[in-house]
PDB file of N, CA and C in Angstrom:
ATOM      1  N   MET A   1       0.844  -1.180   0.000  1.00  0.00           N
ATOM      2  CA  MET A   1       0.000   0.000   0.000  1.00  0.00           C
ATOM      3  C   MET A   1       0.889   1.242   0.000  1.00  0.00           C
ATOM      4  N   GLN A   2       0.503   2.207  -0.800  1.00  0.00           N
ATOM      5  CA  GLN A   2       1.266   3.449  -0.910  1.00  0.00           C
ATOM      6  C   GLN A   2       0.839   4.467   0.137  1.00  0.00           C
ATOM      7  N   THR A   3       1.768   5.318   0.507  1.00  0.00           N
ATOM      8  CA  THR A   3       1.494   6.454   1.388  1.00  0.00           C
ATOM      9  C   THR A   3       1.787   7.713   0.602  1.00  0.00           C
ATOM     10  N   ILE A   4       0.798   8.609   0.559  1.00  0.00           N
ATOM     11  CA  ILE A   4       0.933   9.838  -0.217  1.00  0.00           C
ATOM     12  C   ILE A   4       0.706  11.025   0.700  1.00  0.00           C
ATOM     13  N   LEU A   5       1.636  11.946   0.692  1.00  0.00           N
ATOM     14  CA  LEU A   5       1.552  13.175   1.473  1.00  0.00           C
ATOM     15  C   LEU A   5       1.266  14.325   0.525  1.00  0.00           C
ATOM     16  N   ILE A   6       0.202  15.072   0.826  1.00  0.00           N
ATOM     17  CA  ILE A   6      -0.133  16.256   0.048  1.00  0.00           C
ATOM     18  C   ILE A   6       0.101  17.469   0.933  1.00  0.00           C
ATOM     19  N   ILE A   7       0.975  18.363   0.494  1.00  0.00           N
ATOM     20  CA  ILE A   7       1.243  19.604   1.217  1.00  0.00           C
ATOM     21  C   ILE A   7       0.575  20.736   0.454  1.00  0.00           C
ATOM     22  N   ILE A   8      -0.313  21.446   1.142  1.00  0.00           N
ATOM     23  CA  ILE A   8      -1.008  22.572   0.519  1.00  0.00           C
ATOM     24  C   ILE A   8      -0.586  23.839   1.239  1.00  0.00           C
ATOM     25  N   HIS A   9      -0.055  24.789   0.494  1.00  0.00           N
ATOM     26  CA  HIS A   9       0.313  26.073   1.113  1.00  0.00           C
ATOM     27  C   HIS A   9      -0.354  27.251   0.417  1.00  0.00           C
ATOM     28  N   ALA A  10      -1.126  26.988  -0.621  1.00  0.00           N
ATOM     29  CA  ALA A  10      -1.855  28.046  -1.319  1.00  0.00           C
ATOM     30  C   ALA A  10      -3.103  28.412  -0.516  1.00  0.00           C
ATOM     31  N   PRO A  11      -3.509  29.670  -0.546  1.00  0.00           N
ATOM     32  CA  PRO A  11      -4.712  30.071   0.202  1.00  0.00           C
ATOM     33  C   PRO A  11      -5.966  29.405  -0.372  1.00  0.00           C
ATOM     34  N   PRO A  12      -6.962  29.177   0.477  1.00  0.00           N
ATOM     35  CA  PRO A  12      -8.167  28.512   0.007  1.00  0.00           C
ATOM     36  C   PRO A  12      -8.988  29.347  -0.977  1.00  0.00           C
ATOM     37  N   TYR A  13      -8.801  30.645  -0.966  1.00  0.00           N
ATOM     38  CA  TYR A  13      -9.594  31.515  -1.836  1.00  0.00           C
ATOM     39  C   TYR A  13      -8.665  32.346  -2.708  1.00  0.00           C
ATOM     40  N   GLY A  14      -9.069  32.597  -3.940  1.00  0.00           N
ATOM     41  CA  GLY A  14      -8.277  33.411  -4.856  1.00  0.00           C
ATOM     42  C   GLY A  14      -7.363  32.600  -5.756  1.00  0.00           C
ATOM     43  N   SER A  15      -7.304  31.305  -5.523  1.00  0.00           N
ATOM     44  CA  SER A  15      -6.472  30.411  -6.323  1.00  0.00           C
ATOM     45  C   SER A  15      -7.156  29.053  -6.323  1.00  0.00           C
ATOM     46  N   GLU A  16      -6.964  28.302  -7.368  1.00  0.00           N
ATOM     47  CA  GLU A  16      -7.553  26.962  -7.413  1.00  0.00           C
ATOM     48  C   GLU A  16      -6.586  25.883  -6.942  1.00  0.00           C
ATOM     49  N   ARG A  17      -5.381  26.273  -6.520  1.00  0.00           N
ATOM     50  CA  ARG A  17      -4.403  25.267  -6.090  1.00  0.00           C
ATOM     51  C   ARG A  17      -4.870  24.515  -4.852  1.00  0.00           C
ATOM     52  N   CYS A  18      -5.441  25.215  -3.890  1.00  0.00           N
ATOM     53  CA  CYS A  18      -5.947  24.562  -2.684  1.00  0.00           C
ATOM     54  C   CYS A  18      -7.060  23.586  -3.051  1.00  0.00           C
ATOM     55  N   LEU A  19      -7.992  24.044  -3.858  1.00  0.00           N
ATOM     56  CA  LEU A  19      -9.081  23.193  -4.329  1.00  0.00           C
ATOM     57  C   LEU A  19      -8.527  21.967  -5.056  1.00  0.00           C
ATOM     58  N   SER A  20      -7.530  22.166  -5.896  1.00  0.00           N
ATOM     59  CA  SER A  20      -6.929  21.052  -6.636  1.00  0.00           C
ATOM     60  C   SER A  20      -6.292  20.041  -5.691  1.00  0.00           C
ATOM     61  N   GLY A  21      -5.628  20.524  -4.646  1.00  0.00           N
ATOM     62  CA  GLY A  21      -5.028  19.625  -3.660  1.00  0.00           C
ATOM     63  C   GLY A  21      -6.069  18.784  -2.940  1.00  0.00           C
ATOM     64  N   LEU A  22      -7.175  19.420  -2.563  1.00  0.00           N
ATOM     65  CA  LEU A  22      -8.261  18.686  -1.906  1.00  0.00           C
ATOM     66  C   LEU A  22      -8.896  17.682  -2.853  1.00  0.00           C
ATOM     67  N   ARG A  23      -9.089  18.082  -4.101  1.00  0.00           N
ATOM     68  CA  ARG A  23      -9.683  17.169  -5.086  1.00  0.00           C
ATOM     69  C   ARG A  23      -8.798  15.946  -5.306  1.00  0.00           C
ATOM     70  N   LEU A  24      -7.487  16.166  -5.383  1.00  0.00           N
ATOM     71  CA  LEU A  24      -6.568  15.040  -5.530  1.00  0.00           C
ATOM     72  C   LEU A  24      -6.650  14.138  -4.301  1.00  0.00           C
ATOM     73  N   GLY A  25      -6.677  14.745  -3.120  1.00  0.00           N
ATOM     74  CA  GLY A  25      -6.798  13.958  -1.895  1.00  0.00           C
ATOM     75  C   GLY A  25      -8.053  13.098  -1.886  1.00  0.00           C
ATOM     76  N   LEU A  26      -9.171  13.670  -2.323  1.00  0.00           N
ATOM     77  CA  LEU A  26     -10.416  12.912  -2.389  1.00  0.00           C
ATOM     78  C   LEU A  26     -10.325  11.768  -3.390  1.00  0.00           C
ATOM     79  N   ALA A  27      -9.761  12.037  -4.549  1.00  0.00           N
ATOM     80  CA  ALA A  27      -9.631  10.995  -5.575  1.00  0.00           C
ATOM     81  C   ALA A  27      -8.747   9.848  -5.085  1.00  0.00           C
ATOM     82  N   LEU A  28      -7.680  10.177  -4.377  1.00  0.00           N
ATOM     83  CA  LEU A  28      -6.779   9.144  -3.861  1.00  0.00           C
ATOM     84  C   LEU A  28      -7.404   8.358  -2.712  1.00  0.00           C
ATOM     85  N   ALA A  29      -8.037   9.075  -1.780  1.00  0.00           N
ATOM     86  CA  ALA A  29      -8.595   8.428  -0.589  1.00  0.00           C
ATOM     87  C   ALA A  29      -9.789   7.540  -0.927  1.00  0.00           C
ATOM     88  N   ASP A  30     -10.425   7.794  -2.054  1.00  0.00           N
ATOM     89  CA  ASP A  30     -11.622   7.047  -2.435  1.00  0.00           C
ATOM     90  C   ASP A  30     -11.321   5.874  -3.372  1.00  0.00           C
ATOM     91  N   ARG A  31     -10.049   5.590  -3.598  1.00  0.00           N
ATOM     92  CA  ARG A  31      -9.676   4.486  -4.489  1.00  0.00           C
ATOM     93  C   ARG A  31      -9.908   3.141  -3.813  1.00  0.00           C
ATOM     94  N   ASP A  32     -10.132   2.128  -4.637  1.00  0.00           N
ATOM     95  CA  ASP A  32     -10.345   0.786  -4.120  1.00  0.00           C
ATOM     96  C   ASP A  32      -9.105   0.222  -3.435  1.00  0.00           C
ATOM     97  N   ASP A  33      -7.905   0.607  -3.904  1.00  0.00           N
ATOM     98  CA  ASP A  33      -6.676   0.076  -3.308  1.00  0.00           C
ATOM     99  C   ASP A  33      -6.279   0.804  -2.030  1.00  0.00           C
ATOM    100  N   LYS A  34      -7.040   1.810  -1.620  1.00  0.00           N
ATOM    101  CA  LYS A  34      -6.925   2.510  -0.344  1.00  0.00           C
ATOM    102  C   LYS A  34      -5.501   2.908   0.052  1.00  0.00           C
ATOM    103  N   PRO A  35      -4.873   3.803  -0.705  1.00  0.00           N
ATOM    104  CA  PRO A  35      -3.569   4.305  -0.256  1.00  0.00           C
ATOM    105  C   PRO A  35      -3.752   5.133   1.020  1.00  0.00           C
ATOM    106  N   THR A  36      -2.715   5.235   1.808  1.00  0.00           N
ATOM    107  CA  THR A  36      -2.743   6.112   2.975  1.00  0.00           C
ATOM    108  C   THR A  36      -2.483   7.530   2.484  1.00  0.00           C
ATOM    109  N   VAL A  37      -3.405   8.431   2.775  1.00  0.00           N
ATOM    110  CA  VAL A  37      -3.279   9.822   2.337  1.00  0.00           C
ATOM    111  C   VAL A  37      -3.201  10.702   3.575  1.00  0.00           C
ATOM    112  N   ARG A  38      -2.217  11.596   3.576  1.00  0.00           N
ATOM    113  CA  ARG A  38      -2.077  12.597   4.632  1.00  0.00           C
ATOM    114  C   ARG A  38      -2.028  13.963   3.969  1.00  0.00           C
ATOM    115  N   ILE A  39      -2.633  14.952   4.623  1.00  0.00           N
ATOM    116  CA  ILE A  39      -2.611  16.320   4.110  1.00  0.00           C
ATOM    117  C   ILE A  39      -2.056  17.227   5.197  1.00  0.00           C
ATOM    118  N   PHE A  40      -1.100  18.050   4.811  1.00  0.00           N
ATOM    119  CA  PHE A  40      -0.512  19.021   5.726  1.00  0.00           C
ATOM    120  C   PHE A  40      -0.744  20.406   5.146  1.00  0.00           C
ATOM    121  N   LEU A  41      -1.443  21.258   5.897  1.00  0.00           N
ATOM    122  CA  LEU A  41      -1.758  22.615   5.464  1.00  0.00           C
ATOM    123  C   LEU A  41      -0.742  23.586   6.038  1.00  0.00           C
ATOM    124  N   MET A  42      -0.150  24.391   5.169  1.00  0.00           N
ATOM    125  CA  MET A  42       0.864  25.357   5.598  1.00  0.00           C
ATOM    126  C   MET A  42       0.486  26.749   5.104  1.00  0.00           C
ATOM    127  N   SER A  43       1.194  27.758   5.609  1.00  0.00           N
ATOM    128  CA  SER A  43       1.008  29.147   5.192  1.00  0.00           C
ATOM    129  C   SER A  43      -0.471  29.512   5.246  1.00  0.00           C
ATOM    130  N   ASP A  44      -0.961  30.187   4.202  1.00  0.00           N
ATOM    131  CA  ASP A  44      -2.359  30.633   4.192  1.00  0.00           C
ATOM    132  C   ASP A  44      -3.356  29.492   4.070  1.00  0.00           C
ATOM    133  N   ALA A  45      -2.922  28.313   3.713  1.00  0.00           N
ATOM    134  CA  ALA A  45      -3.838  27.170   3.615  1.00  0.00           C
ATOM    135  C   ALA A  45      -4.352  26.734   4.987  1.00  0.00           C
ATOM    136  N   THR A  46      -3.678  27.152   6.067  1.00  0.00           N
ATOM    137  CA  THR A  46      -4.134  26.762   7.402  1.00  0.00           C
ATOM    138  C   THR A  46      -5.541  27.282   7.695  1.00  0.00           C
ATOM    139  N   VAL A  47      -5.938  28.372   7.050  1.00  0.00           N
ATOM    140  CA  VAL A  47      -7.271  28.929   7.259  1.00  0.00           C
ATOM    141  C   VAL A  47      -8.349  27.926   6.847  1.00  0.00           C
ATOM    142  N   LEU A  48      -7.997  26.997   5.998  1.00  0.00           N
ATOM    143  CA  LEU A  48      -8.939  25.975   5.542  1.00  0.00           C
ATOM    144  C   LEU A  48      -9.446  25.123   6.700  1.00  0.00           C
ATOM    145  N   GLY A  49      -8.713  25.062   7.802  1.00  0.00           N
ATOM    146  CA  GLY A  49      -9.129  24.263   8.950  1.00  0.00           C
ATOM    147  C   GLY A  49     -10.236  24.882   9.778  1.00  0.00           C
ATOM    148  N   LEU A  50     -10.599  26.141   9.501  1.00  0.00           N
ATOM    149  CA  LEU A  50     -11.652  26.810  10.270  1.00  0.00           C
ATOM    150  C   LEU A  50     -13.035  26.432   9.745  1.00  0.00           C
ATOM    151  N   PRO A  51     -13.968  26.122  10.642  1.00  0.00           N
ATOM    152  CA  PRO A  51     -15.327  25.771  10.206  1.00  0.00           C
ATOM    153  C   PRO A  51     -16.158  27.015   9.884  1.00  0.00           C
ATOM    154  N   ASN A  52     -17.291  26.766   9.257  1.00  0.00           N
ATOM    155  CA  ASN A  52     -18.336  27.776   9.031  1.00  0.00           C
ATOM    156  C   ASN A  52     -17.954  28.892   8.081  1.00  0.00           C
ATOM    157  N   GLN A  53     -17.036  28.652   7.171  1.00  0.00           N
ATOM    158  CA  GLN A  53     -16.720  29.652   6.160  1.00  0.00           C
ATOM    159  C   GLN A  53     -17.720  29.498   5.021  1.00  0.00           C
ATOM    160  N   ILE A  54     -18.273  30.588   4.603  1.00  0.00           N
ATOM    161  CA  ILE A  54     -19.250  30.580   3.519  1.00  0.00           C
ATOM    162  C   ILE A  54     -18.531  30.964   2.232  1.00  0.00           C
ATOM    163  N   ASP A  55     -18.593  30.112   1.243  1.00  0.00           N
ATOM    164  CA  ASP A  55     -18.028  30.457  -0.065  1.00  0.00           C
ATOM    165  C   ASP A  55     -19.146  30.407  -1.100  1.00  0.00           C
ATOM    166  N   SER A  56     -18.833  30.762  -2.301  1.00  0.00           N
ATOM    167  CA  SER A  56     -19.869  30.851  -3.335  1.00  0.00           C
ATOM    168  C   SER A  56     -20.508  29.497  -3.632  1.00  0.00           C
ATOM    169  N   GLY A  57     -19.828  28.429  -3.287  1.00  0.00           N
ATOM    170  CA  GLY A  57     -20.370  27.092  -3.536  1.00  0.00           C
ATOM    171  C   GLY A  57     -21.118  26.530  -2.345  1.00  0.00           C
ATOM    172  N   GLY A  58     -21.457  27.369  -1.381  1.00  0.00           N
ATOM    173  CA  GLY A  58     -22.163  26.893  -0.193  1.00  0.00           C
ATOM    174  C   GLY A  58     -21.165  26.464   0.858  1.00  0.00           C
ATOM    175  N   ASN A  59     -21.019  25.173   1.058  1.00  0.00           N
ATOM    176  CA  ASN A  59     -20.123  24.633   2.079  1.00  0.00           C
ATOM    177  C   ASN A  59     -19.047  23.787   1.408  1.00  0.00           C
ATOM    178  N   GLY A  60     -18.633  24.190   0.221  1.00  0.00           N
ATOM    179  CA  GLY A  60     -17.766  23.382  -0.616  1.00  0.00           C
ATOM    180  C   GLY A  60     -16.468  22.926   0.003  1.00  0.00           C
ATOM    181  N   LEU A  61     -15.605  23.856   0.411  1.00  0.00           N
ATOM    182  CA  LEU A  61     -14.293  23.462   0.918  1.00  0.00           C
ATOM    183  C   LEU A  61     -14.405  22.741   2.251  1.00  0.00           C
ATOM    184  N   GLN A  62     -15.241  23.239   3.150  1.00  0.00           N
ATOM    185  CA  GLN A  62     -15.414  22.559   4.424  1.00  0.00           C
ATOM    186  C   GLN A  62     -15.976  21.162   4.203  1.00  0.00           C
ATOM    187  N   GLY A  63     -16.928  21.038   3.285  1.00  0.00           N
ATOM    188  CA  GLY A  63     -17.487  19.727   2.978  1.00  0.00           C
ATOM    189  C   GLY A  63     -16.428  18.763   2.458  1.00  0.00           C
ATOM    190  N   MET A  64     -15.504  19.282   1.649  1.00  0.00           N
ATOM    191  CA  MET A  64     -14.422  18.434   1.135  1.00  0.00           C
ATOM    192  C   MET A  64     -13.517  17.982   2.275  1.00  0.00           C
ATOM    193  N   VAL A  65     -13.178  18.893   3.175  1.00  0.00           N
ATOM    194  CA  VAL A  65     -12.334  18.540   4.323  1.00  0.00           C
ATOM    195  C   VAL A  65     -13.037  17.497   5.187  1.00  0.00           C
ATOM    196  N   GLU A  66     -14.324  17.691   5.444  1.00  0.00           N
ATOM    197  CA  GLU A  66     -15.077  16.732   6.259  1.00  0.00           C
ATOM    198  C   GLU A  66     -15.146  15.363   5.583  1.00  0.00           C
ATOM    199  N   THR A  67     -15.300  15.339   4.272  1.00  0.00           N
ATOM    200  CA  THR A  67     -15.315  14.065   3.544  1.00  0.00           C
ATOM    201  C   THR A  67     -13.950  13.387   3.636  1.00  0.00           C
ATOM    202  N   LEU A  68     -12.884  14.154   3.480  1.00  0.00           N
ATOM    203  CA  LEU A  68     -11.544  13.591   3.604  1.00  0.00           C
ATOM    204  C   LEU A  68     -11.335  12.971   4.984  1.00  0.00           C
ATOM    205  N   VAL A  69     -11.750  13.684   6.026  1.00  0.00           N
ATOM    206  CA  VAL A  69     -11.632  13.153   7.389  1.00  0.00           C
ATOM    207  C   VAL A  69     -12.431  11.859   7.518  1.00  0.00           C
ATOM    208  N   ALA A  70     -13.646  11.848   6.973  1.00  0.00           N
ATOM    209  CA  ALA A  70     -14.489  10.647   7.028  1.00  0.00           C
ATOM    210  C   ALA A  70     -13.847   9.469   6.294  1.00  0.00           C
ATOM    211  N   LEU A  71     -13.053   9.767   5.270  1.00  0.00           N
ATOM    212  CA  LEU A  71     -12.351   8.716   4.521  1.00  0.00           C
ATOM    213  C   LEU A  71     -11.048   8.293   5.198  1.00  0.00           C
ATOM    214  N   GLY A  72     -10.760   8.862   6.357  1.00  0.00           N
ATOM    215  CA  GLY A  72      -9.582   8.455   7.127  1.00  0.00           C
ATOM    216  C   GLY A  72      -8.323   9.236   6.830  1.00  0.00           C
ATOM    217  N   VAL A  73      -8.443  10.360   6.134  1.00  0.00           N
ATOM    218  CA  VAL A  73      -7.267  11.182   5.820  1.00  0.00           C
ATOM    219  C   VAL A  73      -6.883  11.999   7.042  1.00  0.00           C
ATOM    220  N   ASP A  74      -5.614  11.941   7.402  1.00  0.00           N
ATOM    221  CA  ASP A  74      -5.065  12.728   8.502  1.00  0.00           C
ATOM    222  C   ASP A  74      -4.762  14.132   7.975  1.00  0.00           C
ATOM    223  N   ILE A  75      -5.435  15.153   8.526  1.00  0.00           N
ATOM    224  CA  ILE A  75      -5.236  16.528   8.076  1.00  0.00           C
ATOM    225  C   ILE A  75      -4.676  17.341   9.239  1.00  0.00           C
ATOM    226  N   ARG A  76      -3.500  17.907   9.011  1.00  0.00           N
ATOM    227  CA  ARG A  76      -2.822  18.718  10.033  1.00  0.00           C
ATOM    228  C   ARG A  76      -2.583  20.126   9.518  1.00  0.00           C
ATOM    229  N   LEU A  77      -2.648  21.079  10.435  1.00  0.00           N
ATOM    230  CA  LEU A  77      -2.309  22.469  10.138  1.00  0.00           C
ATOM    231  C   LEU A  77      -0.968  22.768  10.771  1.00  0.00           C
ATOM    232  N   CYS A  78      -0.083  23.387  10.026  1.00  0.00           N
ATOM    233  CA  CYS A  78       1.222  23.767  10.563  1.00  0.00           C
ATOM    234  C   CYS A  78       1.016  24.673  11.779  1.00  0.00           C
ATOM    235  N   ARG A  79       1.599  24.287  12.897  1.00  0.00           N
ATOM    236  CA  ARG A  79       1.427  25.041  14.139  1.00  0.00           C
ATOM    237  C   ARG A  79       1.942  26.464  14.004  1.00  0.00           C
ATOM    238  N   THR A  80       3.157  26.620  13.502  1.00  0.00           N
ATOM    239  CA  THR A  80       3.757  27.946  13.363  1.00  0.00           C
ATOM    240  C   THR A  80       2.910  28.830  12.451  1.00  0.00           C
ATOM    241  N   CYS A  81       2.457  28.277  11.341  1.00  0.00           N
ATOM    242  CA  CYS A  81       1.636  29.028  10.385  1.00  0.00           C
ATOM    243  C   CYS A  81       0.289  29.396  10.989  1.00  0.00           C
ATOM    244  N   ALA A  82      -0.320  28.454  11.714  1.00  0.00           N
ATOM    245  CA  ALA A  82      -1.619  28.710  12.334  1.00  0.00           C
ATOM    246  C   ALA A  82      -1.503  29.789  13.407  1.00  0.00           C
ATOM    247  N   LEU A  83      -0.470  29.713  14.230  1.00  0.00           N
ATOM    248  CA  LEU A  83      -0.281  30.719  15.278  1.00  0.00           C
ATOM    249  C   LEU A  83      -0.026  32.094  14.684  1.00  0.00           C
ATOM    250  N   ALA A  84       0.722  32.162  13.599  1.00  0.00           N
ATOM    251  CA  ALA A  84       1.009  33.444  12.951  1.00  0.00           C
ATOM    252  C   ALA A  84      -0.263  34.088  12.404  1.00  0.00           C
ATOM    253  N   ARG A  85      -1.286  33.281  12.159  1.00  0.00           N
ATOM    254  CA  ARG A  85      -2.546  33.793  11.615  1.00  0.00           C
ATOM    255  C   ARG A  85      -3.644  33.880  12.669  1.00  0.00           C
ATOM    256  N   GLY A  86      -3.274  33.716  13.943  1.00  0.00           N
ATOM    257  CA  GLY A  86      -4.234  33.842  15.037  1.00  0.00           C
ATOM    258  C   GLY A  86      -5.204  32.688  15.171  1.00  0.00           C
ATOM    259  N   LEU A  87      -4.843  31.517  14.663  1.00  0.00           N
ATOM    260  CA  LEU A  87      -5.761  30.374  14.672  1.00  0.00           C
ATOM    261  C   LEU A  87      -5.555  29.435  15.852  1.00  0.00           C
ATOM    262  N   GLY A  88      -4.565  29.699  16.680  1.00  0.00           N
ATOM    263  CA  GLY A  88      -4.172  28.761  17.725  1.00  0.00           C
ATOM    264  C   GLY A  88      -5.276  28.365  18.687  1.00  0.00           C
ATOM    265  N   ASP A  89      -6.146  29.310  19.061  1.00  0.00           N
ATOM    266  CA  ASP A  89      -7.189  29.031  20.041  1.00  0.00           C
ATOM    267  C   ASP A  89      -8.574  28.910  19.420  1.00  0.00           C
ATOM    268  N   LEU A  90      -8.659  28.938  18.116  1.00  0.00           N
ATOM    269  CA  LEU A  90      -9.960  28.851  17.454  1.00  0.00           C
ATOM    270  C   LEU A  90     -10.350  27.392  17.223  1.00  0.00           C
ATOM    271  N   PRO A  91     -11.659  27.105  17.251  1.00  0.00           N
ATOM    272  CA  PRO A  91     -12.085  25.727  16.956  1.00  0.00           C
ATOM    273  C   PRO A  91     -11.804  25.392  15.498  1.00  0.00           C
ATOM    274  N   LEU A  92     -11.425  24.146  15.273  1.00  0.00           N
ATOM    275  CA  LEU A  92     -11.125  23.660  13.925  1.00  0.00           C
ATOM    276  C   LEU A  92     -12.226  22.711  13.464  1.00  0.00           C
ATOM    277  N   ILE A  93     -12.255  22.452  12.171  1.00  0.00           N
ATOM    278  CA  ILE A  93     -13.167  21.452  11.625  1.00  0.00           C
ATOM    279  C   ILE A  93     -12.873  20.123  12.326  1.00  0.00           C
ATOM    280  N   ASP A  94     -13.925  19.445  12.775  1.00  0.00           N
ATOM    281  CA  ASP A  94     -13.752  18.170  13.470  1.00  0.00           C
ATOM    282  C   ASP A  94     -12.887  17.219  12.654  1.00  0.00           C
ATOM    283  N   GLY A  95     -11.920  16.611  13.326  1.00  0.00           N
ATOM    284  CA  GLY A  95     -11.047  15.650  12.668  1.00  0.00           C
ATOM    285  C   GLY A  95      -9.750  16.235  12.160  1.00  0.00           C
ATOM    286  N   THR A  96      -9.637  17.562  12.137  1.00  0.00           N
ATOM    287  CA  THR A  96      -8.370  18.202  11.777  1.00  0.00           C
ATOM    288  C   THR A  96      -7.643  18.573  13.070  1.00  0.00           C
ATOM    289  N   ALA A  97      -6.341  18.802  12.970  1.00  0.00           N
ATOM    290  CA  ALA A  97      -5.563  19.105  14.170  1.00  0.00           C
ATOM    291  C   ALA A  97      -4.359  19.967  13.812  1.00  0.00           C
ATOM    292  N   ILE A  98      -3.856  20.644  14.819  1.00  0.00           N
ATOM    293  CA  ILE A  98      -2.609  21.386  14.663  1.00  0.00           C
ATOM    294  C   ILE A  98      -1.474  20.369  14.659  1.00  0.00           C
ATOM    295  N   GLY A  99      -0.544  20.522  13.737  1.00  0.00           N
ATOM    296  CA  GLY A  99       0.608  19.634  13.642  1.00  0.00           C
ATOM    297  C   GLY A  99       1.907  20.421  13.761  1.00  0.00           C
ATOM    298  N   THR A 100       3.001  19.717  13.833  1.00  0.00           N
ATOM    299  CA  THR A 100       4.304  20.347  13.983  1.00  0.00           C
ATOM    300  C   THR A 100       5.184  20.068  12.770  1.00  0.00           C
ATOM    301  N   LEU A 101       6.232  20.827  12.656  1.00  0.00           N
ATOM    302  CA  LEU A 101       7.185  20.603  11.575  1.00  0.00           C
ATOM    303  C   LEU A 101       7.850  19.231  11.722  1.00  0.00           C
ATOM    304  N   ALA A 102       8.044  18.788  12.953  1.00  0.00           N
ATOM    305  CA  ALA A 102       8.606  17.448  13.176  1.00  0.00           C
ATOM    306  C   ALA A 102       7.669  16.379  12.627  1.00  0.00           C
ATOM    307  N   GLU A 103       6.352  16.569  12.788  1.00  0.00           N
ATOM    308  CA  GLU A 103       5.382  15.619  12.231  1.00  0.00           C
ATOM    309  C   GLU A 103       5.402  15.646  10.710  1.00  0.00           C
ATOM    310  N   LEU A 104       5.549  16.837  10.139  1.00  0.00           N
ATOM    311  CA  LEU A 104       5.659  16.942   8.682  1.00  0.00           C
ATOM    312  C   LEU A 104       6.917  16.231   8.198  1.00  0.00           C
ATOM    313  N   ALA A 105       8.011  16.387   8.919  1.00  0.00           N
ATOM    314  CA  ALA A 105       9.259  15.708   8.543  1.00  0.00           C
ATOM    315  C   ALA A 105       9.076  14.192   8.568  1.00  0.00           C
ATOM    316  N   GLU A 106       8.440  13.678   9.609  1.00  0.00           N
ATOM    317  CA  GLU A 106       8.186  12.235   9.708  1.00  0.00           C
ATOM    318  C   GLU A 106       7.268  11.759   8.573  1.00  0.00           C
ATOM    319  N   ALA A 107       6.223  12.530   8.308  1.00  0.00           N
ATOM    320  CA  ALA A 107       5.290  12.153   7.233  1.00  0.00           C
ATOM    321  C   ALA A 107       5.991  12.169   5.883  1.00  0.00           C
ATOM    322  N   THR A 108       6.894  13.107   5.692  1.00  0.00           N
ATOM    323  CA  THR A 108       7.644  13.192   4.432  1.00  0.00           C
ATOM    324  C   THR A 108       8.538  11.972   4.254  1.00  0.00           C
ATOM    325  N   LEU A 109       9.238  11.597   5.311  1.00  0.00           N
ATOM    326  CA  LEU A 109      10.124  10.428   5.231  1.00  0.00           C
ATOM    327  C   LEU A 109       9.347   9.127   5.040  1.00  0.00           C
ATOM    328  N   ALA A 110       8.134   9.067   5.601  1.00  0.00           N
ATOM    329  CA  ALA A 110       7.326   7.851   5.502  1.00  0.00           C
ATOM    330  C   ALA A 110       6.580   7.749   4.167  1.00  0.00           C
ATOM    331  N   ALA A 111       6.462   8.847   3.458  1.00  0.00           N
ATOM    332  CA  ALA A 111       5.658   8.868   2.231  1.00  0.00           C
ATOM    333  C   ALA A 111       6.395   8.262   1.050  1.00  0.00           C
ATOM    334  N   ASP A 112       5.626   7.568   0.221  1.00  0.00           N
ATOM    335  CA  ASP A 112       6.161   7.091  -1.054  1.00  0.00           C
ATOM    336  C   ASP A 112       6.174   8.217  -2.078  1.00  0.00           C
ATOM    337  N   LYS A 113       5.198   9.120  -1.948  1.00  0.00           N
ATOM    338  CA  LYS A 113       5.099  10.264  -2.857  1.00  0.00           C
ATOM    339  C   LYS A 113       4.701  11.484  -2.051  1.00  0.00           C
ATOM    340  N   VAL A 114       5.259  12.644  -2.440  1.00  0.00           N
ATOM    341  CA  VAL A 114       4.889  13.929  -1.840  1.00  0.00           C
ATOM    342  C   VAL A 114       4.477  14.856  -2.976  1.00  0.00           C
ATOM    343  N   VAL A 115       3.283  15.460  -2.832  1.00  0.00           N
ATOM    344  CA  VAL A 115       2.761  16.364  -3.835  1.00  0.00           C
ATOM    345  C   VAL A 115       2.483  17.694  -3.141  1.00  0.00           C
ATOM    346  N   THR A 116       2.852  18.796  -3.795  1.00  0.00           N
ATOM    347  CA  THR A 116       2.607  20.104  -3.188  1.00  0.00           C
ATOM    348  C   THR A 116       1.716  20.965  -4.076  1.00  0.00           C
ATOM    349  N   PHE A 117       0.918  21.784  -3.431  1.00  0.00           N
ATOM    350  CA  PHE A 117       0.038  22.733  -4.108  1.00  0.00           C
ATOM    351  C   PHE A 117       0.212  24.093  -3.468  1.00  0.00           C
TER     352      PHE A 117
END
C-alpha cells in the first residue's frame, strides 16, 4: 500500500491550487486500493481548517475537508503558520488538528510520494 503526502500552502480563496489539492486527496482516498493519504496545510492554507466559512459554492471546501476526514485522511495544520494567523485558540473542523514541523518531517520520510500545491 502506498502512502501519499499532500502539502497545501496556497490560500483557500483566490487560487484553485488549494481546491486542486483537496480534489486530488479525495480521488486518492476514495480508491479501491486505499492508499494512505495525509494532508498538511501550511502558510495561508491553514485557514482551511476553520469551520463555518461561507463560499460561493455553499459549504464546498469545508465539505471536502469533512469528507476527507471521514475517509480516514489525517489533516494537520502547521502550528507555526496557524499561530502566525491567530488560529491557535480557534475551533477547527472536526477531525483536523494542529501539527508540527517534526510531524511533517516524519510524514515526508514515511511517504512514497509527496505532492505540493
